[in-house]
Each structure stands twice: as structure tokens, then as C-alpha cells.
């Protein structure tokens, strides 16, 4: 099982736990928050990640100029993959939000639970992607601090 599949499964698991807890507590907060804010939140996180990635790519380029023997191609591929994953998350969220608000699908009792699980999982996965990008900045920072010593 690859890393992406594991992250998806873990996100769906915790998404289900969050949805289940919200339903058992008879709280509409999670559903309202996700339906009202999630799409814009994911787009904002994509913008933050795009900025972070720009800084990372610039720093990686500088490191590679100073150390031509180092290859950062796997890192560049992961950065590209991260941006693609976020675009997919935004697309899936958009589709799930359309389905969740459909009167046609409301007759299926599990439809809302499934939709909220997917939406919560999207938020969790996106937070992981943000953490991963920010972690990259700290790795680059520690490289420069170690180099200065």
C-alpha cells in the first residue's frame, strides 16, 4: 500500500469518526461548517501551498546550484503531486457538495453520512498536505542552518 493510499484511508477513517460523533451528538455544526466553508477553505490552502511551494522550489534550486551532485527530482515530483492532489480534493468537494444538497439524493438515509465523511476526510487530507508543505520549509531551513555551522 503506497503512502497516498494510506493517507486517504486514514483521512476517511477520521472523517467517519468525526461525522459519526457529530451525528451521535446531534450537532449540525460540522455539516454546516463543511457545506458553508470547506470549498473556500480548500482553495485558500491551495493558495498558501502554492506560495510555499514557490519558496521551496527557489531554495531547492539554490541548493542544487551549490551542490550539483544532489538530485531533487523526487522532491519536485512530490511537490507537483501535492498540488494535483489539492486540485482533486477541490473537485471532489465540489461534486460531493452538489450531491449533498440534492433533493433527489436526500431520500437515501446514508447519503448525508457518506457525503459528510468524504468532506471531513477532504479537510483532514488537505491539512496533511499543508503540514507536509510547511515541513518542507523547515527541512530547507535546517539544511541552511547546518551548512552555516
C-alpha atoms as a PDB file:
ATOM      1  CA  UNK A   1       0.000   0.000   0.000  1.00  0.00           C
ATOM      2  CA  UNK A   2       1.541   3.310  -1.033  1.00  0.00           C
ATOM      3  CA  UNK A   3       1.723   6.467   1.071  1.00  0.00           C
ATOM      4  CA  UNK A   4      -1.127   8.257  -0.730  1.00  0.00           C
ATOM      5  CA  UNK A   5      -3.486   5.312  -0.260  1.00  0.00           C
ATOM      6  CA  UNK A   6      -2.629   5.193   3.439  1.00  0.00           C
ATOM      7  CA  UNK A   7      -3.288   8.931   3.820  1.00  0.00           C
ATOM      8  CA  UNK A   8      -6.643   8.563   2.058  1.00  0.00           C
ATOM      9  CA  UNK A   9      -7.677   5.632   4.259  1.00  0.00           C
ATOM     10  CA  UNK A  10      -6.614   7.419   7.455  1.00  0.00           C
ATOM     11  CA  UNK A  11      -8.415  10.602   6.353  1.00  0.00           C
ATOM     12  CA  UNK A  12     -11.580   8.653   5.561  1.00  0.00           C
ATOM     13  CA  UNK A  13     -11.364   6.827   8.897  1.00  0.00           C
ATOM     14  CA  UNK A  14     -11.069  10.046  10.892  1.00  0.00           C
ATOM     15  CA  UNK A  15     -13.631  11.681   8.619  1.00  0.00           C
ATOM     16  CA  UNK A  16     -16.059   8.923   9.523  1.00  0.00           C
ATOM     17  CA  UNK A  17     -15.234   9.227  13.235  1.00  0.00           C
ATOM     18  CA  UNK A  18     -15.869  12.980  13.112  1.00  0.00           C
ATOM     19  CA  UNK A  19     -19.117  12.543  11.187  1.00  0.00           C
ATOM     20  CA  UNK A  20     -20.289   9.734  13.454  1.00  0.00           C
ATOM     21  CA  UNK A  21     -19.531  11.764  16.584  1.00  0.00           C
ATOM     22  CA  UNK A  22     -21.301  14.789  15.159  1.00  0.00           C
ATOM     23  CA  UNK A  23     -24.383  12.719  14.320  1.00  0.00           C
ATOM     24  CA  UNK A  24     -24.447  10.986  17.721  1.00  0.00           C
ATOM     25  CA  UNK A  25     -24.180  14.349  19.461  1.00  0.00           C
ATOM     26  CA  UNK A  26     -26.999  15.653  17.230  1.00  0.00           C
ATOM     27  CA  UNK A  27     -24.766  18.570  16.284  1.00  0.00           C
ATOM     28  CA  UNK A  28     -25.260  20.315  12.967  1.00  0.00           C
ATOM     29  CA  UNK A  29     -22.055  22.336  13.381  1.00  0.00           C
ATOM     30  CA  UNK A  30     -19.766  20.061  11.355  1.00  0.00           C
ATOM     31  CA  UNK A  31     -22.207  19.693   8.465  1.00  0.00           C
ATOM     32  CA  UNK A  32     -22.916  23.439   8.422  1.00  0.00           C
ATOM     33  CA  UNK A  33     -19.211  24.319   8.628  1.00  0.00           C
ATOM     34  CA  UNK A  34     -18.293  21.937   5.826  1.00  0.00           C
ATOM     35  CA  UNK A  35     -21.114  22.937   3.498  1.00  0.00           C
ATOM     36  CA  UNK A  36     -20.614  26.668   4.119  1.00  0.00           C
ATOM     37  CA  UNK A  37     -16.826  26.910   4.276  1.00  0.00           C
ATOM     38  CA  UNK A  38     -14.955  23.863   3.011  1.00  0.00           C
ATOM     39  CA  UNK A  39     -14.645  24.754  -0.655  1.00  0.00           C
ATOM     40  CA  UNK A  40     -13.268  28.230   0.067  1.00  0.00           C
ATOM     41  CA  UNK A  41     -11.009  26.828   2.774  1.00  0.00           C
ATOM     42  CA  UNK A  42      -9.518  24.273   0.367  1.00  0.00           C
ATOM     43  CA  UNK A  43      -8.934  26.975  -2.242  1.00  0.00           C
ATOM     44  CA  UNK A  44      -7.244  29.180   0.376  1.00  0.00           C
ATOM     45  CA  UNK A  45      -4.991  26.318   1.466  1.00  0.00           C
ATOM     46  CA  UNK A  46      -4.104  25.693  -2.203  1.00  0.00           C
ATOM     47  CA  UNK A  47      -3.067  29.356  -2.486  1.00  0.00           C
ATOM     48  CA  UNK A  48      -0.959  29.068   0.674  1.00  0.00           C
ATOM     49  CA  UNK A  49       0.644  25.861  -0.588  1.00  0.00           C
ATOM     50  CA  UNK A  50       1.347  27.385  -3.994  1.00  0.00           C
ATOM     51  CA  UNK A  51       3.217  30.212  -2.277  1.00  0.00           C
ATOM     52  CA  UNK A  52       5.071  27.787  -0.024  1.00  0.00           C
ATOM     53  CA  UNK A  53       5.978  25.605  -2.993  1.00  0.00           C
ATOM     54  CA  UNK A  54       7.361  28.632  -4.828  1.00  0.00           C
ATOM     55  CA  UNK A  55       9.698  29.319  -1.905  1.00  0.00           C
ATOM     56  CA  UNK A  56      10.676  25.640  -1.703  1.00  0.00           C
ATOM     57  CA  UNK A  57      11.452  25.386  -5.410  1.00  0.00           C
ATOM     58  CA  UNK A  58      13.558  28.559  -5.245  1.00  0.00           C
ATOM     59  CA  UNK A  59      15.532  27.241  -2.256  1.00  0.00           C
ATOM     60  CA  UNK A  60      15.929  23.812  -3.842  1.00  0.00           C
ATOM     61  CA  UNK A  61      17.274  25.474  -6.989  1.00  0.00           C
ATOM     62  CA  UNK A  62      19.850  27.368  -4.927  1.00  0.00           C
ATOM     63  CA  UNK A  63      20.908  24.241  -3.060  1.00  0.00           C
ATOM     64  CA  UNK A  64      21.245  22.352  -6.324  1.00  0.00           C
ATOM     65  CA  UNK A  65      23.400  25.129  -7.827  1.00  0.00           C
ATOM     66  CA  UNK A  66      25.711  24.909  -4.824  1.00  0.00           C
ATOM     67  CA  UNK A  67      25.626  21.086  -4.794  1.00  0.00           C
ATOM     68  CA  UNK A  68      25.168  19.856  -8.389  1.00  0.00           C
ATOM     69  CA  UNK A  69      25.621  16.240  -7.282  1.00  0.00           C
ATOM     70  CA  UNK A  70      22.302  16.369  -5.398  1.00  0.00           C
ATOM     71  CA  UNK A  71      19.143  15.377  -7.247  1.00  0.00           C
ATOM     72  CA  UNK A  72      15.866  16.905  -6.215  1.00  0.00           C
ATOM     73  CA  UNK A  73      13.734  15.300  -8.917  1.00  0.00           C
ATOM     74  CA  UNK A  74      11.827  13.081  -6.435  1.00  0.00           C
ATOM     75  CA  UNK A  75      11.120  16.181  -4.330  1.00  0.00           C
ATOM     76  CA  UNK A  76       9.879  18.095  -7.369  1.00  0.00           C
ATOM     77  CA  UNK A  77       7.618  15.175  -8.290  1.00  0.00           C
ATOM     78  CA  UNK A  78       6.158  15.115  -4.761  1.00  0.00           C
ATOM     79  CA  UNK A  79       5.545  18.868  -4.881  1.00  0.00           C
ATOM     80  CA  UNK A  80       3.752  18.515  -8.223  1.00  0.00           C
ATOM     81  CA  UNK A  81       1.761  15.574  -6.864  1.00  0.00           C
ATOM     82  CA  UNK A  82       0.735  17.607  -3.822  1.00  0.00           C
ATOM     83  CA  UNK A  83      -0.684  20.408  -5.977  1.00  0.00           C
ATOM     84  CA  UNK A  84      -2.540  17.881  -8.147  1.00  0.00           C
ATOM     85  CA  UNK A  85      -3.946  16.207  -5.014  1.00  0.00           C
ATOM     86  CA  UNK A  86      -5.261  19.549  -3.805  1.00  0.00           C
ATOM     87  CA  UNK A  87      -6.938  20.254  -7.133  1.00  0.00           C
ATOM     88  CA  UNK A  88      -8.535  16.798  -6.993  1.00  0.00           C
ATOM     89  CA  UNK A  89      -9.709  17.478  -3.410  1.00  0.00           C
ATOM     90  CA  UNK A  90     -11.326  20.732  -4.529  1.00  0.00           C
ATOM     91  CA  UNK A  91     -13.042  18.951  -7.436  1.00  0.00           C
ATOM     92  CA  UNK A  92     -14.272  16.067  -5.272  1.00  0.00           C
ATOM     93  CA  UNK A  93     -15.502  18.515  -2.640  1.00  0.00           C
ATOM     94  CA  UNK A  94     -17.411  20.486  -5.263  1.00  0.00           C
ATOM     95  CA  UNK A  95     -19.085  17.332  -6.584  1.00  0.00           C
ATOM     96  CA  UNK A  96     -19.906  15.995  -3.101  1.00  0.00           C
ATOM     97  CA  UNK A  97     -21.363  19.363  -2.062  1.00  0.00           C
ATOM     98  CA  UNK A  98     -23.626  19.309  -5.135  1.00  0.00           C
ATOM     99  CA  UNK A  99     -24.740  15.762  -4.332  1.00  0.00           C
ATOM    100  CA  UNK A 100     -25.206  16.519  -0.623  1.00  0.00           C
ATOM    101  CA  UNK A 101     -27.544  19.404  -1.398  1.00  0.00           C
ATOM    102  CA  UNK A 102     -29.556  17.414  -3.955  1.00  0.00           C
ATOM    103  CA  UNK A 103     -33.181  16.798  -3.034  1.00  0.00           C
ATOM    104  CA  UNK A 104     -33.076  13.685  -5.220  1.00  0.00           C
ATOM    105  CA  UNK A 105     -30.423  12.030  -3.032  1.00  0.00           C
ATOM    106  CA  UNK A 106     -31.939  13.035   0.332  1.00  0.00           C
ATOM    107  CA  UNK A 107     -34.254  10.011   0.168  1.00  0.00           C
ATOM    108  CA  UNK A 108     -31.220   7.772   0.756  1.00  0.00           C
ATOM    109  CA  UNK A 109     -30.532   7.860   4.516  1.00  0.00           C
ATOM    110  CA  UNK A 110     -26.789   7.106   4.327  1.00  0.00           C
ATOM    111  CA  UNK A 111     -26.145   9.668   1.595  1.00  0.00           C
ATOM    112  CA  UNK A 112     -25.616  12.542   4.041  1.00  0.00           C
ATOM    113  CA  UNK A 113     -23.329  10.470   6.266  1.00  0.00           C
ATOM    114  CA  UNK A 114     -21.235   9.399   3.286  1.00  0.00           C
ATOM    115  CA  UNK A 115     -21.067  12.971   1.980  1.00  0.00           C
ATOM    116  CA  UNK A 116     -20.055  14.394   5.365  1.00  0.00           C
ATOM    117  CA  UNK A 117     -17.453  11.640   5.794  1.00  0.00           C
ATOM    118  CA  UNK A 118     -15.917  12.487   2.415  1.00  0.00           C
ATOM    119  CA  UNK A 119     -16.000  16.219   3.145  1.00  0.00           C
ATOM    120  CA  UNK A 120     -14.426  15.782   6.584  1.00  0.00           C
ATOM    121  CA  UNK A 121     -11.804  13.468   5.065  1.00  0.00           C
ATOM    122  CA  UNK A 122     -11.068  16.122   2.421  1.00  0.00           C
ATOM    123  CA  UNK A 123     -10.425  18.677   5.158  1.00  0.00           C
ATOM    124  CA  UNK A 124      -8.180  16.271   7.077  1.00  0.00           C
ATOM    125  CA  UNK A 125      -6.240  15.304   3.941  1.00  0.00           C
ATOM    126  CA  UNK A 126      -5.815  18.951   2.964  1.00  0.00           C
ATOM    127  CA  UNK A 127      -4.472  19.801   6.423  1.00  0.00           C
ATOM    128  CA  UNK A 128      -1.946  16.993   5.998  1.00  0.00           C
ATOM    129  CA  UNK A 129      -0.877  18.434   2.621  1.00  0.00           C
ATOM    130  CA  UNK A 130      -0.447  21.854   4.210  1.00  0.00           C
ATOM    131  CA  UNK A 131       1.588  20.346   7.060  1.00  0.00           C
ATOM    132  CA  UNK A 132       3.743  18.482   4.540  1.00  0.00           C
ATOM    133  CA  UNK A 133       4.496  21.656   2.567  1.00  0.00           C
ATOM    134  CA  UNK A 134       5.331  23.646   5.699  1.00  0.00           C
ATOM    135  CA  UNK A 135       7.508  20.780   6.911  1.00  0.00           C
ATOM    136  CA  UNK A 136       9.476  21.118   3.666  1.00  0.00           C
ATOM    137  CA  UNK A 137      10.281  24.713   4.584  1.00  0.00           C
ATOM    138  CA  UNK A 138      11.654  23.567   7.947  1.00  0.00           C
ATOM    139  CA  UNK A 139      13.788  20.903   6.248  1.00  0.00           C
ATOM    140  CA  UNK A 140      15.281  23.519   3.922  1.00  0.00           C
ATOM    141  CA  UNK A 141      15.786  25.876   6.864  1.00  0.00           C
ATOM    142  CA  UNK A 142      17.626  23.207   8.852  1.00  0.00           C
ATOM    143  CA  UNK A 143      19.811  22.490   5.788  1.00  0.00           C
ATOM    144  CA  UNK A 144      20.923  26.107   5.690  1.00  0.00           C
ATOM    145  CA  UNK A 145      21.456  26.238   9.482  1.00  0.00           C
ATOM    146  CA  UNK A 146      23.556  23.056   9.397  1.00  0.00           C
ATOM    147  CA  UNK A 147      25.521  24.405   6.443  1.00  0.00           C
ATOM    148  CA  UNK A 148      26.295  27.609   8.363  1.00  0.00           C
ATOM    149  CA  UNK A 149      27.857  25.648  11.248  1.00  0.00           C
END
